[in-house]
């Protein structure tokens, strides 16, 4: 169900949110007409996931009216994986989105006519990880995965980097059993001992497992960034058509998201409440702790604190492309690698935390 930017900030109760969601389609039509009359630019924004802690900064930007301040009328829609999000952008169904940068690079290479670009790095450190249990024989050593049973969802971004990770760390995957399982059952299966480790976005998954009763000292977080992977993580993506037609709207979108991230960093607890208003299965303490983990591990990295959020280090970018090539050669590496632009970012001084 799409969520529409409010003309005035209002915070519905969880009971009242059902009524709000039921009227979203009508609000979308009415809001679109009002935005056109007021000169606002409609923006259809697609997520790569359901509403959860990782999407909280976008929800904060919406709830606090930051998109409206930038002259934008944003509709945020949940999704099911980065590739599906990219396909919606490429088809013209959406204007912008949030998802995995390395999936975008591959998508550009496989679809030469798809003009999609990342305009802001959100996760300077990727969340790619394997999360396992000491009691199941997993340690922080990648070779401890040998002889174990691993679970992954077919759309998991961490599993997409498995060829690189196992190559870098000399893992014999012939000794590993990998089972494709659904997203909703990954964590329960690890908690119950049906699998020994799973591929996932690491820090928030560790939080979820603790909430399921898995002892903290039994959880092993094996982050790929600690074992040779230099790739970037999730980004804000825009369609070329939208960027060419409305470059100032893209700049406004980035500024609004930046403000949402800043507020999320300052108060993860308040940001988590925005998730609960859209996802009734979420728990405030869990989403808050997930947010805090992602902020610490993936967003406010040493590089971001030194250089500001949103941009890339060019030497690292080149190295990352070389790593991606290990998982499969590019048809056109130059075009694939032209997947990011800093043309829409605010000056570095405005991106410091």
C-alpha atoms as a PDB file:
ATOM      1  CA  UNK A   1       0.000   0.000   0.000  1.00  0.00           C
ATOM      2  CA  UNK A   2       1.544   3.328  -0.983  1.00  0.00           C
ATOM      3  CA  UNK A   3       2.048   5.994   1.647  1.00  0.00           C
ATOM      4  CA  UNK A   4       1.428   9.574   0.547  1.00  0.00           C
ATOM      5  CA  UNK A   5       3.238  12.653   1.806  1.00  0.00           C
ATOM      6  CA  UNK A   6       0.921  14.539   4.180  1.00  0.00           C
ATOM      7  CA  UNK A   7       0.099  18.156   3.499  1.00  0.00           C
ATOM      8  CA  UNK A   8       0.287  18.637   7.260  1.00  0.00           C
ATOM      9  CA  UNK A   9       2.181  16.511   9.738  1.00  0.00           C
ATOM     10  CA  UNK A  10      -0.175  14.135  11.504  1.00  0.00           C
ATOM     11  CA  UNK A  11       0.665  11.040  13.485  1.00  0.00           C
ATOM     12  CA  UNK A  12      -2.165   8.480  13.384  1.00  0.00           C
ATOM     13  CA  UNK A  13      -2.526   5.869  16.065  1.00  0.00           C
ATOM     14  CA  UNK A  14      -1.999   2.250  15.110  1.00  0.00           C
ATOM     15  CA  UNK A  15      -5.785   1.816  15.162  1.00  0.00           C
ATOM     16  CA  UNK A  16      -6.255   4.898  13.007  1.00  0.00           C
ATOM     17  CA  UNK A  17      -3.577   3.849  10.551  1.00  0.00           C
ATOM     18  CA  UNK A  18      -5.851   1.167   9.130  1.00  0.00           C
ATOM     19  CA  UNK A  19      -8.330   3.853   8.146  1.00  0.00           C
ATOM     20  CA  UNK A  20      -5.529   5.972   6.726  1.00  0.00           C
ATOM     21  CA  UNK A  21      -4.220   3.086   4.628  1.00  0.00           C
ATOM     22  CA  UNK A  22      -7.707   2.273   3.351  1.00  0.00           C
ATOM     23  CA  UNK A  23      -8.028   5.817   2.045  1.00  0.00           C
ATOM     24  CA  UNK A  24      -4.538   5.996   0.557  1.00  0.00           C
ATOM     25  CA  UNK A  25      -5.672   5.511  -3.035  1.00  0.00           C
ATOM     26  CA  UNK A  26      -8.162   8.380  -2.769  1.00  0.00           C
ATOM     27  CA  UNK A  27      -5.569  10.525  -0.998  1.00  0.00           C
ATOM     28  CA  UNK A  28      -3.077   9.788  -3.752  1.00  0.00           C
ATOM     29  CA  UNK A  29      -5.437  11.090  -6.433  1.00  0.00           C
ATOM     30  CA  UNK A  30      -6.443  14.116  -4.437  1.00  0.00           C
ATOM     31  CA  UNK A  31      -2.870  14.805  -3.375  1.00  0.00           C
ATOM     32  CA  UNK A  32      -1.688  14.562  -6.974  1.00  0.00           C
ATOM     33  CA  UNK A  33      -4.189  17.154  -8.119  1.00  0.00           C
ATOM     34  CA  UNK A  34      -3.300  19.455  -5.236  1.00  0.00           C
ATOM     35  CA  UNK A  35       0.412  19.061  -5.911  1.00  0.00           C
ATOM     36  CA  UNK A  36      -0.063  20.006  -9.540  1.00  0.00           C
ATOM     37  CA  UNK A  37      -2.086  23.077  -8.548  1.00  0.00           C
ATOM     38  CA  UNK A  38       0.547  24.116  -6.011  1.00  0.00           C
ATOM     39  CA  UNK A  39       3.429  23.475  -8.392  1.00  0.00           C
ATOM     40  CA  UNK A  40       4.770  20.450  -6.464  1.00  0.00           C
ATOM     41  CA  UNK A  41       6.452  17.622  -8.352  1.00  0.00           C
ATOM     42  CA  UNK A  42       4.963  14.132  -7.902  1.00  0.00           C
ATOM     43  CA  UNK A  43       7.596  11.502  -7.068  1.00  0.00           C
ATOM     44  CA  UNK A  44       6.790   7.798  -7.103  1.00  0.00           C
ATOM     45  CA  UNK A  45       9.349   6.208  -4.774  1.00  0.00           C
ATOM     46  CA  UNK A  46       9.805   2.421  -4.636  1.00  0.00           C
ATOM     47  CA  UNK A  47      11.486   0.554  -1.792  1.00  0.00           C
ATOM     48  CA  UNK A  48      13.171  -2.824  -2.154  1.00  0.00           C
ATOM     49  CA  UNK A  49      11.517  -4.185   0.972  1.00  0.00           C
ATOM     50  CA  UNK A  50       8.554  -3.886   3.268  1.00  0.00           C
ATOM     51  CA  UNK A  51       8.409  -1.041   5.764  1.00  0.00           C
ATOM     52  CA  UNK A  52      11.080  -1.807   8.369  1.00  0.00           C
ATOM     53  CA  UNK A  53      14.007  -0.228  10.195  1.00  0.00           C
ATOM     54  CA  UNK A  54      16.100   0.133   7.031  1.00  0.00           C
ATOM     55  CA  UNK A  55      13.398   2.273   5.424  1.00  0.00           C
ATOM     56  CA  UNK A  56      12.841   4.486   8.468  1.00  0.00           C
ATOM     57  CA  UNK A  57      14.800   7.529   7.187  1.00  0.00           C
ATOM     58  CA  UNK A  58      12.478   7.797   4.179  1.00  0.00           C
ATOM     59  CA  UNK A  59       9.429   7.549   6.402  1.00  0.00           C
ATOM     60  CA  UNK A  60      10.841  10.229   8.704  1.00  0.00           C
ATOM     61  CA  UNK A  61      11.379  12.521   5.710  1.00  0.00           C
ATOM     62  CA  UNK A  62       7.775  11.956   4.728  1.00  0.00           C
ATOM     63  CA  UNK A  63       6.207  12.292   8.174  1.00  0.00           C
ATOM     64  CA  UNK A  64       8.094  15.499   8.930  1.00  0.00           C
ATOM     65  CA  UNK A  65       7.171  17.071   5.610  1.00  0.00           C
ATOM     66  CA  UNK A  66      10.713  17.256   4.238  1.00  0.00           C
ATOM     67  CA  UNK A  67       9.634  16.150   0.764  1.00  0.00           C
ATOM     68  CA  UNK A  68       6.966  18.844   0.744  1.00  0.00           C
ATOM     69  CA  UNK A  69       9.507  21.458   1.816  1.00  0.00           C
ATOM     70  CA  UNK A  70      11.464  20.562  -1.316  1.00  0.00           C
ATOM     71  CA  UNK A  71       8.384  20.972  -3.510  1.00  0.00           C
ATOM     72  CA  UNK A  72       7.797  17.248  -3.853  1.00  0.00           C
ATOM     73  CA  UNK A  73       4.681  15.143  -3.438  1.00  0.00           C
ATOM     74  CA  UNK A  74       6.177  11.738  -2.635  1.00  0.00           C
ATOM     75  CA  UNK A  75       4.381   8.402  -2.635  1.00  0.00           C
ATOM     76  CA  UNK A  76       6.469   5.652  -1.002  1.00  0.00           C
ATOM     77  CA  UNK A  77       5.670   2.054  -1.883  1.00  0.00           C
ATOM     78  CA  UNK A  78       7.082  -1.128  -0.275  1.00  0.00           C
ATOM     79  CA  UNK A  79       8.636  -3.770  -2.486  1.00  0.00           C
ATOM     80  CA  UNK A  80      10.124  -7.236  -2.723  1.00  0.00           C
ATOM     81  CA  UNK A  81      13.791  -7.084  -3.645  1.00  0.00           C
ATOM     82  CA  UNK A  82      16.029  -4.671  -5.498  1.00  0.00           C
ATOM     83  CA  UNK A  83      15.629  -6.256  -8.909  1.00  0.00           C
ATOM     84  CA  UNK A  84      11.852  -5.847  -8.811  1.00  0.00           C
ATOM     85  CA  UNK A  85      12.339  -2.219  -7.772  1.00  0.00           C
ATOM     86  CA  UNK A  86      14.736  -1.599 -10.664  1.00  0.00           C
ATOM     87  CA  UNK A  87      12.352  -3.188 -13.135  1.00  0.00           C
ATOM     88  CA  UNK A  88       9.607  -0.809 -11.980  1.00  0.00           C
ATOM     89  CA  UNK A  89      11.902   2.176 -12.497  1.00  0.00           C
ATOM     90  CA  UNK A  90      13.049   0.957 -15.902  1.00  0.00           C
ATOM     91  CA  UNK A  91       9.429   0.445 -16.990  1.00  0.00           C
ATOM     92  CA  UNK A  92       8.530   3.999 -15.987  1.00  0.00           C
ATOM     93  CA  UNK A  93       6.216   2.852 -13.185  1.00  0.00           C
ATOM     94  CA  UNK A  94       8.342   4.630 -10.556  1.00  0.00           C
ATOM     95  CA  UNK A  95      10.636   7.665 -10.575  1.00  0.00           C
ATOM     96  CA  UNK A  96      13.085   6.767  -7.823  1.00  0.00           C
ATOM     97  CA  UNK A  97      13.827   4.020  -5.341  1.00  0.00           C
ATOM     98  CA  UNK A  98      16.015   2.516  -2.654  1.00  0.00           C
ATOM     99  CA  UNK A  99      17.978  -0.675  -3.073  1.00  0.00           C
ATOM    100  CA  UNK A 100      21.259  -2.506  -3.536  1.00  0.00           C
ATOM    101  CA  UNK A 101      23.906  -0.705  -5.584  1.00  0.00           C
ATOM    102  CA  UNK A 102      25.551  -3.851  -6.898  1.00  0.00           C
ATOM    103  CA  UNK A 103      22.253  -5.191  -8.186  1.00  0.00           C
ATOM    104  CA  UNK A 104      21.888  -1.852 -10.000  1.00  0.00           C
ATOM    105  CA  UNK A 105      25.337  -2.251 -11.581  1.00  0.00           C
ATOM    106  CA  UNK A 106      24.414  -5.726 -12.839  1.00  0.00           C
ATOM    107  CA  UNK A 107      21.017  -4.537 -14.019  1.00  0.00           C
ATOM    108  CA  UNK A 108      22.604  -1.780 -16.108  1.00  0.00           C
ATOM    109  CA  UNK A 109      24.967  -4.276 -17.685  1.00  0.00           C
ATOM    110  CA  UNK A 110      22.173  -6.728 -18.515  1.00  0.00           C
ATOM    111  CA  UNK A 111      19.790  -4.021 -19.780  1.00  0.00           C
ATOM    112  CA  UNK A 112      21.691  -1.546 -21.971  1.00  0.00           C
ATOM    113  CA  UNK A 113      18.584   0.574 -22.547  1.00  0.00           C
ATOM    114  CA  UNK A 114      17.884   0.978 -18.820  1.00  0.00           C
ATOM    115  CA  UNK A 115      19.022   4.449 -17.791  1.00  0.00           C
ATOM    116  CA  UNK A 116      19.063   4.196 -14.009  1.00  0.00           C
ATOM    117  CA  UNK A 117      21.627   5.748 -11.693  1.00  0.00           C
ATOM    118  CA  UNK A 118      22.443   5.901  -8.006  1.00  0.00           C
ATOM    119  CA  UNK A 119      22.497   9.489  -6.746  1.00  0.00           C
ATOM    120  CA  UNK A 120      23.228   8.917  -3.052  1.00  0.00           C
ATOM    121  CA  UNK A 121      25.049   6.223  -1.087  1.00  0.00           C
ATOM    122  CA  UNK A 122      23.046   5.447   2.049  1.00  0.00           C
ATOM    123  CA  UNK A 123      24.993   2.411   3.310  1.00  0.00           C
ATOM    124  CA  UNK A 124      28.663   3.208   2.898  1.00  0.00           C
ATOM    125  CA  UNK A 125      29.398  -0.163   4.484  1.00  0.00           C
ATOM    126  CA  UNK A 126      27.292  -2.955   2.984  1.00  0.00           C
ATOM    127  CA  UNK A 127      25.177  -5.152   5.201  1.00  0.00           C
ATOM    128  CA  UNK A 128      26.208  -8.348   3.373  1.00  0.00           C
ATOM    129  CA  UNK A 129      26.751 -11.001   5.997  1.00  0.00           C
ATOM    130  CA  UNK A 130      26.329 -14.535   7.177  1.00  0.00           C
ATOM    131  CA  UNK A 131      24.723 -14.815  10.582  1.00  0.00           C
ATOM    132  CA  UNK A 132      25.283 -18.076  12.419  1.00  0.00           C
ATOM    133  CA  UNK A 133      25.335 -19.692  15.840  1.00  0.00           C
ATOM    134  CA  UNK A 134      28.333 -20.801  17.851  1.00  0.00           C
ATOM    135  CA  UNK A 135      26.327 -23.731  19.133  1.00  0.00           C
ATOM    136  CA  UNK A 136      26.027 -24.901  15.517  1.00  0.00           C
ATOM    137  CA  UNK A 137      29.789 -24.759  14.940  1.00  0.00           C
ATOM    138  CA  UNK A 138      30.011 -21.314  13.338  1.00  0.00           C
ATOM    139  CA  UNK A 139      32.859 -18.985  14.310  1.00  0.00           C
ATOM    140  CA  UNK A 140      34.105 -15.698  12.868  1.00  0.00           C
ATOM    141  CA  UNK A 141      36.382 -17.708  10.544  1.00  0.00           C
ATOM    142  CA  UNK A 142      34.772 -18.075   7.078  1.00  0.00           C
ATOM    143  CA  UNK A 143      36.096 -21.634   6.759  1.00  0.00           C
ATOM    144  CA  UNK A 144      33.876 -22.601   9.714  1.00  0.00           C
ATOM    145  CA  UNK A 145      31.003 -22.549   7.207  1.00  0.00           C
ATOM    146  CA  UNK A 146      32.364 -25.723   5.636  1.00  0.00           C
ATOM    147  CA  UNK A 147      30.366 -28.773   6.605  1.00  0.00           C
ATOM    148  CA  UNK A 148      27.376 -26.632   7.580  1.00  0.00           C
ATOM    149  CA  UNK A 149      23.866 -25.997   6.294  1.00  0.00           C
ATOM    150  CA  UNK A 150      23.201 -22.418   5.189  1.00  0.00           C
ATOM    151  CA  UNK A 151      19.882 -20.797   4.361  1.00  0.00           C
ATOM    152  CA  UNK A 152      19.219 -17.999   1.888  1.00  0.00           C
ATOM    153  CA  UNK A 153      16.311 -16.281   0.219  1.00  0.00           C
ATOM    154  CA  UNK A 154      16.505 -16.223  -3.572  1.00  0.00           C
ATOM    155  CA  UNK A 155      16.463 -12.398  -3.611  1.00  0.00           C
ATOM    156  CA  UNK A 156      19.008 -11.907  -0.826  1.00  0.00           C
ATOM    157  CA  UNK A 157      21.702  -9.371  -1.723  1.00  0.00           C
ATOM    158  CA  UNK A 158      24.250 -11.036   0.574  1.00  0.00           C
ATOM    159  CA  UNK A 159      23.941 -14.343  -1.252  1.00  0.00           C
ATOM    160  CA  UNK A 160      24.573 -12.517  -4.545  1.00  0.00           C
ATOM    161  CA  UNK A 161      28.069 -11.731  -3.237  1.00  0.00           C
ATOM    162  CA  UNK A 162      28.782 -15.326  -2.178  1.00  0.00           C
ATOM    163  CA  UNK A 163      30.973 -16.074  -5.246  1.00  0.00           C
ATOM    164  CA  UNK A 164      33.260 -13.168  -4.312  1.00  0.00           C
ATOM    165  CA  UNK A 165      33.279 -13.969  -0.604  1.00  0.00           C
ATOM    166  CA  UNK A 166      34.070 -17.665  -0.995  1.00  0.00           C
ATOM    167  CA  UNK A 167      36.828 -16.875  -3.518  1.00  0.00           C
ATOM    168  CA  UNK A 168      38.488 -14.285  -1.283  1.00  0.00           C
ATOM    169  CA  UNK A 169      38.338 -16.537   1.747  1.00  0.00           C
ATOM    170  CA  UNK A 170      39.204 -19.837   0.058  1.00  0.00           C
ATOM    171  CA  UNK A 171      36.013 -21.588   1.105  1.00  0.00           C
ATOM    172  CA  UNK A 172      35.273 -25.012  -0.363  1.00  0.00           C
ATOM    173  CA  UNK A 173      31.562 -24.716  -1.096  1.00  0.00           C
ATOM    174  CA  UNK A 174      31.519 -28.359  -2.121  1.00  0.00           C
ATOM    175  CA  UNK A 175      31.474 -29.014   1.613  1.00  0.00           C
ATOM    176  CA  UNK A 176      28.532 -26.695   2.219  1.00  0.00           C
ATOM    177  CA  UNK A 177      24.822 -27.312   1.789  1.00  0.00           C
ATOM    178  CA  UNK A 178      22.916 -24.164   0.773  1.00  0.00           C
ATOM    179  CA  UNK A 179      19.131 -24.279   0.977  1.00  0.00           C
ATOM    180  CA  UNK A 180      16.853 -21.660  -0.610  1.00  0.00           C
ATOM    181  CA  UNK A 181      14.153 -20.687   1.875  1.00  0.00           C
ATOM    182  CA  UNK A 182      11.596 -17.911   2.171  1.00  0.00           C
ATOM    183  CA  UNK A 183      12.413 -14.600   3.822  1.00  0.00           C
ATOM    184  CA  UNK A 184       9.843 -15.023   6.628  1.00  0.00           C
ATOM    185  CA  UNK A 185      11.263 -18.366   7.787  1.00  0.00           C
ATOM    186  CA  UNK A 186      15.016 -17.684   7.673  1.00  0.00           C
ATOM    187  CA  UNK A 187      15.341 -16.351  11.193  1.00  0.00           C
ATOM    188  CA  UNK A 188      12.926 -18.863  12.782  1.00  0.00           C
ATOM    189  CA  UNK A 189      14.848 -21.709  11.141  1.00  0.00           C
ATOM    190  CA  UNK A 190      18.156 -20.450  12.512  1.00  0.00           C
ATOM    191  CA  UNK A 191      16.619 -19.866  15.931  1.00  0.00           C
ATOM    192  CA  UNK A 192      15.258 -23.429  15.989  1.00  0.00           C
ATOM    193  CA  UNK A 193      18.515 -24.965  14.748  1.00  0.00           C
ATOM    194  CA  UNK A 194      17.190 -26.173  11.382  1.00  0.00           C
ATOM    195  CA  UNK A 195      20.045 -24.317   9.674  1.00  0.00           C
ATOM    196  CA  UNK A 196      23.483 -23.371  10.991  1.00  0.00           C
ATOM    197  CA  UNK A 197      23.767 -19.917   9.426  1.00  0.00           C
ATOM    198  CA  UNK A 198      21.916 -17.663   7.007  1.00  0.00           C
ATOM    199  CA  UNK A 199      22.672 -14.996   4.440  1.00  0.00           C
ATOM    200  CA  UNK A 200      21.170 -11.650   5.441  1.00  0.00           C
ATOM    201  CA  UNK A 201      21.675  -7.957   6.114  1.00  0.00           C
ATOM    202  CA  UNK A 202      23.787  -8.627   9.160  1.00  0.00           C
ATOM    203  CA  UNK A 203      23.371  -6.082  11.990  1.00  0.00           C
ATOM    204  CA  UNK A 204      19.545  -5.934  12.071  1.00  0.00           C
ATOM    205  CA  UNK A 205      19.293  -9.700  11.671  1.00  0.00           C
ATOM    206  CA  UNK A 206      21.415 -10.193  14.789  1.00  0.00           C
ATOM    207  CA  UNK A 207      18.999  -7.903  16.648  1.00  0.00           C
ATOM    208  CA  UNK A 208      16.007  -9.928  15.417  1.00  0.00           C
ATOM    209  CA  UNK A 209      17.572 -13.190  16.553  1.00  0.00           C
ATOM    210  CA  UNK A 210      18.120 -11.816  20.053  1.00  0.00           C
ATOM    211  CA  UNK A 211      14.462 -10.765  20.090  1.00  0.00           C
ATOM    212  CA  UNK A 212      13.555 -14.364  19.200  1.00  0.00           C
ATOM    213  CA  UNK A 213      15.372 -15.605  22.269  1.00  0.00           C
ATOM    214  CA  UNK A 214      18.706 -16.640  20.745  1.00  0.00           C
ATOM    215  CA  UNK A 215      21.399 -15.788  23.342  1.00  0.00           C
ATOM    216  CA  UNK A 216      23.588 -12.883  22.257  1.00  0.00           C
ATOM    217  CA  UNK A 217      26.771 -14.865  22.922  1.00  0.00           C
ATOM    218  CA  UNK A 218      25.537 -17.630  20.598  1.00  0.00           C
ATOM    219  CA  UNK A 219      25.127 -15.296  17.609  1.00  0.00           C
ATOM    220  CA  UNK A 220      28.011 -14.944  15.154  1.00  0.00           C
ATOM    221  CA  UNK A 221      27.890 -11.945  12.821  1.00  0.00           C
ATOM    222  CA  UNK A 222      30.238 -12.646   9.911  1.00  0.00           C
ATOM    223  CA  UNK A 223      30.200  -9.395   7.933  1.00  0.00           C
ATOM    224  CA  UNK A 224      31.671  -9.666   4.452  1.00  0.00           C
ATOM    225  CA  UNK A 225      33.192  -6.191   4.773  1.00  0.00           C
ATOM    226  CA  UNK A 226      35.430  -7.636   7.497  1.00  0.00           C
ATOM    227  CA  UNK A 227      36.671 -10.329   5.121  1.00  0.00           C
ATOM    228  CA  UNK A 228      37.882  -8.521   2.019  1.00  0.00           C
ATOM    229  CA  UNK A 229      34.671  -7.203   0.431  1.00  0.00           C
ATOM    230  CA  UNK A 230      34.926  -3.476  -0.440  1.00  0.00           C
ATOM    231  CA  UNK A 231      31.561  -3.098  -2.177  1.00  0.00           C
ATOM    232  CA  UNK A 232      29.118  -0.326  -1.314  1.00  0.00           C
ATOM    233  CA  UNK A 233      25.627  -1.143  -0.052  1.00  0.00           C
ATOM    234  CA  UNK A 234      22.188   0.393  -0.541  1.00  0.00           C
ATOM    235  CA  UNK A 235      21.566   3.616  -2.437  1.00  0.00           C
ATOM    236  CA  UNK A 236      18.944   6.041  -3.689  1.00  0.00           C
ATOM    237  CA  UNK A 237      18.301   5.345  -7.379  1.00  0.00           C
ATOM    238  CA  UNK A 238      16.547   7.544  -9.956  1.00  0.00           C
ATOM    239  CA  UNK A 239      15.431   6.950 -13.511  1.00  0.00           C
ATOM    240  CA  UNK A 240      17.306   8.859 -16.182  1.00  0.00           C
ATOM    241  CA  UNK A 241      14.062  10.149 -17.629  1.00  0.00           C
ATOM    242  CA  UNK A 242      13.045  11.682 -14.310  1.00  0.00           C
ATOM    243  CA  UNK A 243      16.507  13.133 -13.666  1.00  0.00           C
ATOM    244  CA  UNK A 244      16.765  14.661 -17.128  1.00  0.00           C
ATOM    245  CA  UNK A 245      13.309  16.203 -16.951  1.00  0.00           C
ATOM    246  CA  UNK A 246      13.449  17.381 -13.332  1.00  0.00           C
ATOM    247  CA  UNK A 247      17.015  17.661 -12.021  1.00  0.00           C
ATOM    248  CA  UNK A 248      16.005  20.075  -9.252  1.00  0.00           C
ATOM    249  CA  UNK A 249      13.444  17.558  -8.027  1.00  0.00           C
ATOM    250  CA  UNK A 250      16.220  14.964  -7.727  1.00  0.00           C
ATOM    251  CA  UNK A 251      18.348  17.408  -5.738  1.00  0.00           C
ATOM    252  CA  UNK A 252      15.364  18.105  -3.504  1.00  0.00           C
ATOM    253  CA  UNK A 253      14.744  14.383  -3.063  1.00  0.00           C
ATOM    254  CA  UNK A 254      18.333  13.859  -1.937  1.00  0.00           C
ATOM    255  CA  UNK A 255      18.170  16.782   0.483  1.00  0.00           C
ATOM    256  CA  UNK A 256      14.919  15.482   1.989  1.00  0.00           C
ATOM    257  CA  UNK A 257      16.355  11.980   2.438  1.00  0.00           C
ATOM    258  CA  UNK A 258      19.496  13.474   3.985  1.00  0.00           C
ATOM    259  CA  UNK A 259      17.348  15.291   6.540  1.00  0.00           C
ATOM    260  CA  UNK A 260      15.458  12.084   7.247  1.00  0.00           C
ATOM    261  CA  UNK A 261      18.713  10.230   7.863  1.00  0.00           C
ATOM    262  CA  UNK A 262      19.989  13.012  10.117  1.00  0.00           C
ATOM    263  CA  UNK A 263      16.834  12.895  12.258  1.00  0.00           C
ATOM    264  CA  UNK A 264      17.033   9.097  12.385  1.00  0.00           C
ATOM    265  CA  UNK A 265      20.618   9.285  13.643  1.00  0.00           C
ATOM    266  CA  UNK A 266      19.617  11.768  16.347  1.00  0.00           C
ATOM    267  CA  UNK A 267      16.638   9.750  17.600  1.00  0.00           C
ATOM    268  CA  UNK A 268      16.277   6.147  16.343  1.00  0.00           C
ATOM    269  CA  UNK A 269      13.397   5.567  18.751  1.00  0.00           C
ATOM    270  CA  UNK A 270      11.217   8.264  17.200  1.00  0.00           C
ATOM    271  CA  UNK A 271      12.177   7.084  13.703  1.00  0.00           C
ATOM    272  CA  UNK A 272      11.141   3.545  14.602  1.00  0.00           C
ATOM    273  CA  UNK A 273       7.655   4.765  15.462  1.00  0.00           C
ATOM    274  CA  UNK A 274       7.170   5.657  11.799  1.00  0.00           C
ATOM    275  CA  UNK A 275       7.774   2.008  10.935  1.00  0.00           C
ATOM    276  CA  UNK A 276       5.154   0.852  13.440  1.00  0.00           C
ATOM    277  CA  UNK A 277       2.531   3.137  11.923  1.00  0.00           C
ATOM    278  CA  UNK A 278       2.961   1.265   8.643  1.00  0.00           C
ATOM    279  CA  UNK A 279       3.845  -2.231   9.800  1.00  0.00           C
ATOM    280  CA  UNK A 280       1.664  -3.547  12.605  1.00  0.00           C
ATOM    281  CA  UNK A 281       3.809  -6.668  13.057  1.00  0.00           C
ATOM    282  CA  UNK A 282       6.835  -4.554  14.001  1.00  0.00           C
ATOM    283  CA  UNK A 283       7.946  -4.068  17.606  1.00  0.00           C
ATOM    284  CA  UNK A 284       9.219  -0.680  18.729  1.00  0.00           C
ATOM    285  CA  UNK A 285      12.198  -1.937  20.751  1.00  0.00           C
ATOM    286  CA  UNK A 286      13.334  -4.273  17.990  1.00  0.00           C
ATOM    287  CA  UNK A 287      13.048  -1.687  15.199  1.00  0.00           C
ATOM    288  CA  UNK A 288      14.807   0.914  17.360  1.00  0.00           C
ATOM    289  CA  UNK A 289      17.700  -1.437  18.073  1.00  0.00           C
ATOM    290  CA  UNK A 290      17.914  -2.452  14.399  1.00  0.00           C
ATOM    291  CA  UNK A 291      18.141   1.210  13.444  1.00  0.00           C
ATOM    292  CA  UNK A 292      20.850   1.877  16.002  1.00  0.00           C
ATOM    293  CA  UNK A 293      22.865  -1.075  14.662  1.00  0.00           C
ATOM    294  CA  UNK A 294      22.532   0.013  11.032  1.00  0.00           C
ATOM    295  CA  UNK A 295      23.475   3.609  11.873  1.00  0.00           C
ATOM    296  CA  UNK A 296      26.599   2.465  13.700  1.00  0.00           C
ATOM    297  CA  UNK A 297      27.724  -0.291  11.317  1.00  0.00           C
ATOM    298  CA  UNK A 298      26.503   0.775   7.872  1.00  0.00           C
ATOM    299  CA  UNK A 299      25.732   4.490   7.699  1.00  0.00           C
ATOM    300  CA  UNK A 300      28.080   6.491   9.937  1.00  0.00           C
ATOM    301  CA  UNK A 301      31.329   4.817   8.924  1.00  0.00           C
ATOM    302  CA  UNK A 302      34.740   6.439   9.478  1.00  0.00           C
ATOM    303  CA  UNK A 303      34.742   7.509   5.818  1.00  0.00           C
ATOM    304  CA  UNK A 304      31.339   9.172   6.150  1.00  0.00           C
ATOM    305  CA  UNK A 305      32.366  10.979   9.329  1.00  0.00           C
ATOM    306  CA  UNK A 306      35.463  12.291   7.556  1.00  0.00           C
ATOM    307  CA  UNK A 307      34.010  13.088   4.113  1.00  0.00           C
ATOM    308  CA  UNK A 308      30.233  13.317   4.498  1.00  0.00           C
ATOM    309  CA  UNK A 309      27.356  11.007   3.593  1.00  0.00           C
ATOM    310  CA  UNK A 310      26.292  10.157   0.074  1.00  0.00           C
ATOM    311  CA  UNK A 311      29.442  10.095  -2.041  1.00  0.00           C
ATOM    312  CA  UNK A 312      32.034   7.517  -3.067  1.00  0.00           C
ATOM    313  CA  UNK A 313      35.775   7.121  -2.873  1.00  0.00           C
ATOM    314  CA  UNK A 314      36.875   6.686  -6.480  1.00  0.00           C
ATOM    315  CA  UNK A 315      39.739   4.303  -5.719  1.00  0.00           C
ATOM    316  CA  UNK A 316      37.374   2.086  -3.741  1.00  0.00           C
ATOM    317  CA  UNK A 317      34.801   2.305  -6.555  1.00  0.00           C
ATOM    318  CA  UNK A 318      37.297   0.922  -9.074  1.00  0.00           C
ATOM    319  CA  UNK A 319      38.284  -1.839  -6.675  1.00  0.00           C
ATOM    320  CA  UNK A 320      34.646  -2.709  -6.060  1.00  0.00           C
ATOM    321  CA  UNK A 321      33.976  -3.086  -9.778  1.00  0.00           C
ATOM    322  CA  UNK A 322      36.954  -5.417 -10.064  1.00  0.00           C
ATOM    323  CA  UNK A 323      35.508  -7.514  -7.237  1.00  0.00           C
ATOM    324  CA  UNK A 324      32.100  -7.678  -8.903  1.00  0.00           C
ATOM    325  CA  UNK A 325      33.759  -8.971 -12.049  1.00  0.00           C
ATOM    326  CA  UNK A 326      34.929 -11.995 -10.039  1.00  0.00           C
ATOM    327  CA  UNK A 327      31.292 -13.064  -9.723  1.00  0.00           C
ATOM    328  CA  UNK A 328      30.745 -12.814 -13.484  1.00  0.00           C
ATOM    329  CA  UNK A 329      32.264 -10.824 -16.324  1.00  0.00           C
ATOM    330  CA  UNK A 330      30.573  -7.658 -17.533  1.00  0.00           C
ATOM    331  CA  UNK A 331      29.278  -7.181 -21.053  1.00  0.00           C
ATOM    332  CA  UNK A 332      30.294  -3.528 -20.852  1.00  0.00           C
ATOM    333  CA  UNK A 333      32.215  -2.770 -17.677  1.00  0.00           C
ATOM    334  CA  UNK A 334      32.451   0.951 -18.433  1.00  0.00           C
ATOM    335  CA  UNK A 335      28.692   1.352 -18.784  1.00  0.00           C
ATOM    336  CA  UNK A 336      28.001  -0.897 -15.811  1.00  0.00           C
ATOM    337  CA  UNK A 337      30.440   1.098 -13.722  1.00  0.00           C
ATOM    338  CA  UNK A 338      28.832   4.395 -14.647  1.00  0.00           C
ATOM    339  CA  UNK A 339      26.086   3.618 -12.161  1.00  0.00           C
ATOM    340  CA  UNK A 340      26.693   6.487  -9.730  1.00  0.00           C
ATOM    341  CA  UNK A 341      26.693  10.256 -10.050  1.00  0.00           C
ATOM    342  CA  UNK A 342      27.376  12.865  -7.392  1.00  0.00           C
ATOM    343  CA  UNK A 343      25.790  15.613  -9.497  1.00  0.00           C
ATOM    344  CA  UNK A 344      22.718  15.829  -7.269  1.00  0.00           C
ATOM    345  CA  UNK A 345      24.427  15.759  -3.880  1.00  0.00           C
ATOM    346  CA  UNK A 346      24.596  18.835  -1.629  1.00  0.00           C
ATOM    347  CA  UNK A 347      28.093  20.263  -0.954  1.00  0.00           C
ATOM    348  CA  UNK A 348      30.220  18.088   1.319  1.00  0.00           C
ATOM    349  CA  UNK A 349      29.901  20.552   4.186  1.00  0.00           C
ATOM    350  CA  UNK A 350      26.125  19.957   4.237  1.00  0.00           C
ATOM    351  CA  UNK A 351      26.590  16.184   4.346  1.00  0.00           C
ATOM    352  CA  UNK A 352      28.716  15.995   7.480  1.00  0.00           C
ATOM    353  CA  UNK A 353      27.528  14.199  10.614  1.00  0.00           C
END
